[in-house]
N, C-alpha and C. Protein backbone atom coordinates (compact mmCIF):
# COMPACT_ATOMS: atom_id res chain seq x y z
N MET A 1 72.32 59.63 57.64
CA MET A 1 72.12 60.61 58.76
C MET A 1 72.53 59.97 60.07
N ASP A 2 73.05 60.84 60.86
CA ASP A 2 73.51 60.48 62.14
C ASP A 2 72.62 61.10 63.37
N PHE A 3 71.88 60.29 63.85
CA PHE A 3 70.96 60.78 64.85
C PHE A 3 71.37 60.45 66.35
N SER A 4 72.64 60.29 66.49
CA SER A 4 73.28 59.96 67.82
C SER A 4 72.92 61.19 68.80
N LEU A 5 73.04 60.78 70.01
CA LEU A 5 72.95 61.83 70.99
C LEU A 5 74.15 62.40 71.62
N THR A 6 75.31 62.09 71.02
CA THR A 6 76.60 62.70 71.47
C THR A 6 76.79 63.99 71.03
N PRO A 7 77.48 64.82 71.75
CA PRO A 7 77.49 66.40 71.17
C PRO A 7 78.58 66.32 70.08
N ALA A 8 78.36 67.39 69.33
CA ALA A 8 79.06 67.67 68.04
C ALA A 8 80.65 68.17 68.48
N LYS A 9 81.48 67.83 67.59
CA LYS A 9 82.94 67.96 67.85
C LYS A 9 83.28 69.31 68.18
N ASN A 10 82.50 70.35 67.55
CA ASN A 10 82.83 71.61 67.81
C ASN A 10 82.07 72.27 68.99
N CYS A 11 81.38 71.61 69.77
CA CYS A 11 80.58 71.97 70.93
C CYS A 11 81.38 72.55 71.69
N GLN A 12 80.92 73.75 72.57
CA GLN A 12 81.74 74.41 73.59
C GLN A 12 81.28 74.01 74.98
N SER A 13 80.92 72.57 75.21
CA SER A 13 80.55 72.19 76.41
C SER A 13 81.70 72.18 77.53
N LYS A 14 82.80 72.19 76.93
CA LYS A 14 84.06 71.99 78.05
C LYS A 14 84.09 73.34 78.68
N ARG A 15 83.82 74.53 78.10
CA ARG A 15 83.83 75.84 78.50
C ARG A 15 82.74 76.03 79.67
N GLN A 16 81.77 75.42 79.63
CA GLN A 16 80.65 75.65 80.64
C GLN A 16 80.98 75.74 82.05
N PRO A 17 81.71 74.51 82.46
CA PRO A 17 82.05 74.47 83.92
C PRO A 17 82.97 75.70 84.24
N SER A 18 83.77 76.05 83.37
CA SER A 18 84.85 77.26 83.66
C SER A 18 83.93 78.50 83.98
N GLU A 19 83.00 78.61 83.09
CA GLU A 19 82.10 79.70 83.18
C GLU A 19 81.27 79.85 84.55
N PHE A 20 80.76 78.62 84.88
CA PHE A 20 80.08 78.42 85.96
C PHE A 20 80.91 78.72 87.18
N LYS A 21 82.14 78.20 87.12
CA LYS A 21 83.13 78.43 88.33
C LYS A 21 83.25 79.92 88.53
N LYS A 22 83.40 80.72 87.49
CA LYS A 22 83.86 82.14 87.57
C LYS A 22 82.58 82.75 88.13
N ILE A 23 81.45 82.38 87.65
CA ILE A 23 80.02 82.99 88.19
C ILE A 23 79.92 82.81 89.67
N PHE A 24 80.18 81.58 90.05
CA PHE A 24 80.12 81.06 91.52
C PHE A 24 81.11 81.94 92.22
N LYS A 25 82.29 81.93 91.82
CA LYS A 25 83.20 82.78 92.67
C LYS A 25 82.79 84.37 92.72
N LEU A 26 82.11 85.03 91.82
CA LEU A 26 81.88 86.10 91.83
C LEU A 26 80.61 86.53 92.68
N LEU A 27 79.64 85.47 92.69
CA LEU A 27 78.45 85.61 93.42
C LEU A 27 78.87 85.24 95.01
N PHE A 28 80.02 84.51 95.22
CA PHE A 28 80.35 84.21 96.57
C PHE A 28 81.10 85.40 97.06
N ILE A 29 81.98 86.16 96.38
CA ILE A 29 82.66 87.21 96.63
C ILE A 29 81.63 88.48 97.08
N LEU A 30 80.61 88.64 96.01
CA LEU A 30 79.63 89.70 96.34
C LEU A 30 78.79 89.38 97.57
N PHE A 31 78.62 88.23 98.01
CA PHE A 31 78.02 87.88 99.21
C PHE A 31 78.71 88.13 100.51
N VAL A 32 80.00 87.83 100.38
CA VAL A 32 80.97 88.12 101.38
C VAL A 32 81.18 89.69 101.67
N ILE A 33 81.39 90.36 100.45
CA ILE A 33 81.40 91.90 100.59
C ILE A 33 80.17 92.51 101.10
N PHE A 34 79.02 91.92 100.82
CA PHE A 34 77.82 92.55 101.43
C PHE A 34 77.70 92.35 102.68
N LEU A 35 78.06 91.11 103.33
CA LEU A 35 78.16 90.96 104.76
C LEU A 35 79.17 91.80 105.33
N MET A 36 80.26 92.10 104.71
CA MET A 36 81.26 92.95 105.37
C MET A 36 80.90 94.39 105.38
N VAL A 37 80.22 94.87 104.36
CA VAL A 37 79.87 96.16 104.29
C VAL A 37 78.59 96.61 105.21
N THR A 38 77.81 95.63 105.38
CA THR A 38 76.58 95.94 106.21
C THR A 38 77.00 95.69 107.61
N SER A 39 78.04 94.94 107.93
CA SER A 39 78.12 94.67 109.25
C SER A 39 78.38 95.77 110.34
N GLU A 40 77.94 95.46 111.63
CA GLU A 40 78.08 96.45 112.59
C GLU A 40 79.40 96.88 112.90
N TYR A 41 80.35 95.94 112.71
CA TYR A 41 81.84 96.47 112.97
C TYR A 41 82.25 97.48 111.78
N PHE A 42 81.95 97.18 110.57
CA PHE A 42 82.29 98.06 109.44
C PHE A 42 81.59 99.52 109.61
N ILE A 43 80.25 99.40 110.03
CA ILE A 43 79.64 100.66 110.36
C ILE A 43 80.07 101.37 111.40
N ASN A 44 80.32 100.74 112.64
CA ASN A 44 80.98 101.68 113.81
C ASN A 44 82.54 102.02 113.56
N ASN A 45 83.27 101.33 112.80
CA ASN A 45 84.64 101.68 112.77
C ASN A 45 84.92 102.28 111.62
N PHE A 46 84.28 102.27 110.42
CA PHE A 46 84.70 103.08 109.19
C PHE A 46 83.79 104.06 108.79
N ILE A 47 82.45 103.77 108.69
CA ILE A 47 81.31 104.64 108.18
C ILE A 47 81.22 105.70 109.14
N ARG A 48 81.27 105.35 110.51
CA ARG A 48 81.00 106.40 111.54
C ARG A 48 82.02 107.54 111.43
N ASN A 49 83.25 107.33 110.83
CA ASN A 49 84.10 108.46 110.79
C ASN A 49 83.79 109.33 109.83
N ILE A 50 82.81 109.13 108.93
CA ILE A 50 82.31 110.10 107.90
C ILE A 50 81.25 110.90 108.51
N ASP A 51 81.20 112.29 108.56
CA ASP A 51 80.30 113.11 109.21
C ASP A 51 78.91 112.96 108.52
N GLY A 52 77.95 112.77 109.45
CA GLY A 52 76.55 112.50 108.89
C GLY A 52 76.13 111.10 108.25
N ALA A 53 77.14 110.29 108.19
CA ALA A 53 76.92 108.96 107.81
C ALA A 53 76.15 107.85 108.66
N VAL A 54 76.19 108.16 110.02
CA VAL A 54 75.65 107.15 110.82
C VAL A 54 74.78 107.89 111.91
N GLN A 55 73.61 107.58 112.30
CA GLN A 55 72.80 108.09 113.32
C GLN A 55 73.47 107.60 114.74
N LEU A 56 73.82 108.55 115.40
CA LEU A 56 74.64 108.26 116.60
C LEU A 56 73.61 107.51 117.85
N SER A 57 72.42 107.70 117.89
CA SER A 57 71.64 106.96 118.72
C SER A 57 71.53 105.50 118.48
N ASN A 58 71.45 104.99 117.34
CA ASN A 58 71.22 103.64 117.22
C ASN A 58 72.11 102.82 116.34
N SER A 59 73.18 103.65 115.82
CA SER A 59 74.22 103.01 114.88
C SER A 59 73.71 102.53 113.54
N GLN A 60 72.66 103.17 113.06
CA GLN A 60 72.12 102.79 111.80
C GLN A 60 72.72 103.79 110.63
N THR A 61 72.78 103.51 109.50
CA THR A 61 73.18 104.32 108.63
C THR A 61 72.34 105.35 108.11
N THR A 62 72.76 106.53 107.81
CA THR A 62 71.73 107.27 107.31
C THR A 62 71.67 107.20 105.78
N PHE A 63 71.00 108.02 104.92
CA PHE A 63 71.02 108.05 103.56
C PHE A 63 72.35 108.10 102.96
N LYS A 64 73.16 109.00 103.44
CA LYS A 64 74.51 109.12 103.12
C LYS A 64 75.38 107.95 103.27
N GLY A 65 75.03 107.38 104.47
CA GLY A 65 75.87 106.23 104.78
C GLY A 65 75.58 104.83 104.03
N THR A 66 74.29 105.00 103.47
CA THR A 66 74.07 103.69 102.57
C THR A 66 74.42 103.98 101.27
N ILE A 67 74.51 105.32 100.83
CA ILE A 67 75.24 105.56 99.46
C ILE A 67 76.62 105.07 99.50
N ILE A 68 77.37 105.37 100.55
CA ILE A 68 78.72 105.04 100.84
C ILE A 68 79.09 103.61 100.75
N GLN A 69 77.99 102.85 101.49
CA GLN A 69 78.18 101.50 101.62
C GLN A 69 77.93 100.92 100.07
N GLY A 70 76.97 101.48 99.36
CA GLY A 70 76.76 101.01 97.95
C GLY A 70 77.80 101.27 97.07
N ILE A 71 78.72 102.51 97.18
CA ILE A 71 79.79 102.90 96.47
C ILE A 71 80.96 101.74 96.60
N ILE A 72 81.10 101.55 97.86
CA ILE A 72 82.18 100.64 98.39
C ILE A 72 81.73 99.07 97.76
N LEU A 73 80.60 98.71 97.85
CA LEU A 73 80.18 97.48 97.41
C LEU A 73 80.31 97.29 95.88
N VAL A 74 80.06 98.32 95.12
CA VAL A 74 79.96 98.29 93.72
C VAL A 74 81.68 98.42 93.33
N GLY A 75 82.43 99.30 94.05
CA GLY A 75 83.82 99.08 93.71
C GLY A 75 84.55 97.82 93.84
N ILE A 76 84.29 97.28 95.04
CA ILE A 76 85.01 96.06 95.31
C ILE A 76 84.58 94.81 94.29
N TYR A 77 83.15 94.94 94.07
CA TYR A 77 82.45 94.11 93.10
C TYR A 77 83.18 94.27 91.76
N GLY A 78 83.53 95.44 91.26
CA GLY A 78 84.13 95.50 90.13
C GLY A 78 85.39 95.18 89.91
N LEU A 79 86.25 95.31 91.01
CA LEU A 79 87.53 94.80 91.22
C LEU A 79 87.49 93.27 91.11
N ALA A 80 86.68 92.61 91.95
CA ALA A 80 86.65 91.27 91.91
C ALA A 80 86.15 90.72 90.49
N ASN A 81 85.40 91.28 89.94
CA ASN A 81 85.11 91.01 88.42
C ASN A 81 86.17 91.03 87.58
N MET A 82 86.91 92.19 87.53
CA MET A 82 88.11 92.21 86.72
C MET A 82 89.09 90.97 86.98
N LEU A 83 89.38 90.97 88.37
CA LEU A 83 90.39 89.83 88.83
C LEU A 83 89.91 88.57 88.30
N ILE A 84 88.66 88.07 88.45
CA ILE A 84 88.21 86.73 88.37
C ILE A 84 88.23 86.60 86.70
N SER A 85 87.75 87.63 85.90
CA SER A 85 87.73 87.44 84.53
C SER A 85 88.98 87.37 83.92
N ASN A 86 90.04 87.87 84.41
CA ASN A 86 91.30 87.77 84.01
C ASN A 86 92.19 86.63 84.67
N ASP A 87 91.50 85.70 85.26
CA ASP A 87 91.89 84.59 86.05
C ASP A 87 93.23 84.93 87.03
N TYR A 88 93.06 85.92 87.64
CA TYR A 88 93.77 86.06 88.91
C TYR A 88 93.38 85.51 90.03
N ILE A 89 91.99 85.44 90.16
CA ILE A 89 91.45 84.53 91.34
C ILE A 89 90.83 83.36 90.79
């Protein structure tokens, strides 16, 4: 019997760093997208153009604006996930 601590020959440990790298890329892109979508620049220059999405007095998004931000966030996240999983990024 072999009780050595070396991994088996068919172990998939070589694949783990690649998966970690993909997850890290996706999380980083998600964070950057979140910062972009919730930024004052994005709200004032893009969301404000949609009627009823931003309160004019203090430049905060309304419920409609928050839904629009969420849709944009999820859409770009889905695109990034697809690009990363197919090794384009």
